[in-house]
Protein backbone atom coordinates (compact mmCIF):
# COMPACT_ATOMS: atom_id res chain seq x y z
CA UNK A 1 -133.74 26.80 33.65
CA UNK A 2 -135.90 28.16 32.18
CA UNK A 3 -134.84 30.74 29.35
CA UNK A 4 -137.37 32.83 26.21
CA UNK A 5 -135.24 33.71 22.86
CA UNK A 6 -136.43 36.36 21.53
CA UNK A 7 -134.76 36.46 17.62
CA UNK A 8 -136.75 37.93 14.61
CA UNK A 9 -134.53 35.72 12.54
CA UNK A 10 -135.56 31.61 13.22
CA UNK A 11 -131.80 30.69 12.17
CA UNK A 12 -129.99 32.42 15.24
CA UNK A 13 -133.44 30.53 16.62
CA UNK A 14 -133.46 27.51 15.82
CA UNK A 15 -129.60 27.15 16.80
CA UNK A 16 -129.73 29.15 20.15
CA UNK A 17 -131.99 26.93 20.76
CA UNK A 18 -130.42 23.40 20.10
CA UNK A 19 -126.79 25.18 22.64
CA UNK A 20 -130.36 25.77 25.84
CA UNK A 21 -130.94 22.78 24.94
CA UNK A 22 -128.02 20.75 24.96
CA UNK A 23 -127.47 22.65 27.77
CA UNK A 24 -130.10 20.94 29.74
CA UNK A 25 -131.64 23.99 30.08
CA UNK A 26 -135.86 24.62 28.86
CA UNK A 27 -136.65 27.14 26.02
CA UNK A 28 -139.68 29.57 24.78
CA UNK A 29 -138.22 31.40 21.70
CA UNK A 30 -140.66 34.43 20.61
CA UNK A 31 -140.52 35.20 17.08
CA UNK A 32 -140.25 39.90 18.51
CA UNK A 33 -140.56 41.46 21.96
CA UNK A 34 -144.49 42.48 21.75
CA UNK A 35 -144.85 38.20 22.27
CA UNK A 36 -141.75 37.62 24.21
CA UNK A 37 -144.14 40.30 27.07
CA UNK A 38 -146.69 37.58 26.64
CA UNK A 39 -144.74 34.75 27.62
CA UNK A 40 -142.09 36.66 30.14
CA UNK A 41 -146.24 36.20 31.94
CA UNK A 42 -146.90 33.19 30.78
CA UNK A 43 -143.85 31.70 30.50
CA UNK A 44 -142.01 32.83 33.97
CA UNK A 45 -138.70 32.32 32.67
CA UNK A 46 -135.22 32.82 34.44
CA UNK A 47 -133.49 34.44 31.27
CA UNK A 48 -134.78 36.28 28.89
CA UNK A 49 -131.98 35.89 26.10
CA UNK A 50 -132.83 38.89 23.31
CA UNK A 51 -130.88 39.63 19.81
CA UNK A 52 -130.62 43.52 20.13
CA UNK A 53 -131.65 44.74 16.44
CA UNK A 54 -135.07 43.51 15.80
CA UNK A 55 -138.00 44.91 13.42
CA UNK A 56 -141.06 44.96 15.54
CA UNK A 57 -138.97 46.34 18.96
CA UNK A 58 -135.70 46.20 20.01
CA UNK A 59 -134.15 43.84 22.58
CA UNK A 60 -133.41 46.87 24.48
CA UNK A 61 -136.86 48.40 23.90
CA UNK A 62 -138.12 45.10 25.29
CA UNK A 63 -135.44 44.79 27.81
CA UNK A 64 -137.71 47.85 29.35
CA UNK A 65 -140.33 47.21 29.60
CA UNK A 66 -139.79 44.30 30.85
CA UNK A 67 -138.32 45.59 34.15
CA UNK A 68 -140.98 48.20 34.57
CA UNK A 69 -143.71 45.08 34.66
CA UNK A 70 -144.48 44.92 38.56
CA UNK A 71 -146.38 42.30 37.97
CA UNK A 72 -142.55 39.79 36.35
CA UNK A 73 -140.33 38.74 38.65
CA UNK A 74 -137.36 39.55 38.29
CA UNK A 75 -135.56 38.19 35.06
CA UNK A 76 -131.99 37.42 33.48
CA UNK A 77 -132.08 39.44 30.66
CA UNK A 78 -129.07 39.08 27.96
CA UNK A 79 -129.20 41.05 25.30
CA UNK A 80 -127.91 39.75 21.83
CA UNK A 81 -125.19 41.82 19.88
CA UNK A 82 -123.52 41.95 17.43
CA UNK A 83 -122.46 46.01 18.26
CA UNK A 84 -119.68 46.26 19.87
CA UNK A 85 -118.20 48.92 20.85
CA UNK A 86 -118.66 50.36 25.08
CA UNK A 87 -121.73 53.02 24.15
CA UNK A 88 -123.45 50.37 23.26
CA UNK A 89 -122.42 48.24 25.69
CA UNK A 90 -124.01 50.94 28.49
CA UNK A 91 -126.84 51.43 26.02
CA UNK A 92 -128.32 48.04 27.02
CA UNK A 93 -127.08 47.54 30.42
CA UNK A 94 -128.65 51.57 31.48
CA UNK A 95 -132.08 49.55 29.79
CA UNK A 96 -131.64 47.11 32.89
CA UNK A 97 -129.89 44.25 30.85
CA UNK A 98 -127.43 42.31 32.74
CA UNK A 99 -125.13 40.88 30.86
CA UNK A 100 -124.68 41.16 26.64
CA UNK A 101 -123.02 38.37 24.18
CA UNK A 102 -121.80 38.93 20.77
CA UNK A 103 -123.62 37.71 18.31
CA UNK A 104 -120.29 35.18 17.12
CA UNK A 105 -120.36 33.77 20.64
CA UNK A 106 -118.79 30.03 21.51
CA UNK A 107 -120.75 27.72 24.28
CA UNK A 108 -118.53 28.67 26.46
CA UNK A 109 -119.73 31.67 26.36
CA UNK A 110 -123.25 30.86 26.77
CA UNK A 111 -122.54 28.52 29.68
CA UNK A 112 -120.79 30.43 31.83
CA UNK A 113 -123.45 33.50 31.40
CA UNK A 114 -126.37 31.32 32.50
CA UNK A 115 -124.13 30.38 35.01
CA UNK A 116 -124.12 33.86 36.43
CA UNK A 117 -127.44 33.96 35.55
CA UNK A 118 -129.02 30.93 37.83
CA UNK A 119 -126.75 32.53 40.60
CA UNK A 120 -128.32 36.44 40.19
CA UNK A 121 -131.95 34.97 39.83
CA UNK A 122 -131.45 31.66 42.60
CA UNK A 123 -130.08 35.08 45.01
CA UNK A 124 -133.06 37.08 43.64
CA UNK A 125 -135.91 34.05 44.76
CA UNK A 126 -134.80 33.81 47.72
CA UNK A 127 -135.15 37.57 48.29
CA UNK A 128 -138.32 37.26 47.86
CA UNK A 129 -138.99 34.41 49.57
CA UNK A 130 -137.92 36.57 52.61
CA UNK A 131 -139.18 40.11 51.81
CA UNK A 132 -142.48 37.85 51.44
CA UNK A 133 -142.69 35.66 54.98
CA UNK A 134 -141.19 39.52 56.42
CA UNK A 135 -144.47 40.77 55.38
CA UNK A 136 -146.27 37.91 56.46
CA UNK A 137 -145.45 38.15 59.82
CA UNK A 138 -146.06 41.81 60.11
């Protein structure tokens, strides 16, 4: 899968990229939300893994903007966060995130999230193709 990593800190970006590539995924990297918005349109990732707290644009705002863009196909959105209170998790889900992952995650947690992401994105692609076919037939 194509994964876009969004984090304003270089070390977490590098570590996450190494783990994802080690699992066989193709990665693109953005240093902030503004750059990420452009890459979402250009790269068309299957998954965005975004740090929640960033300087220019927080991850939940990035998620809202991705979801609001009618030109962007469905992308599975994971918020990476050190926030562990239930209110923060709900806030992220209300912003449109599909999942969240604590910053102290291990490889198994990451791989589990990506298995779910692959299933959900495949379903969205099939639905979009069926919708397009129905429009063509009508």
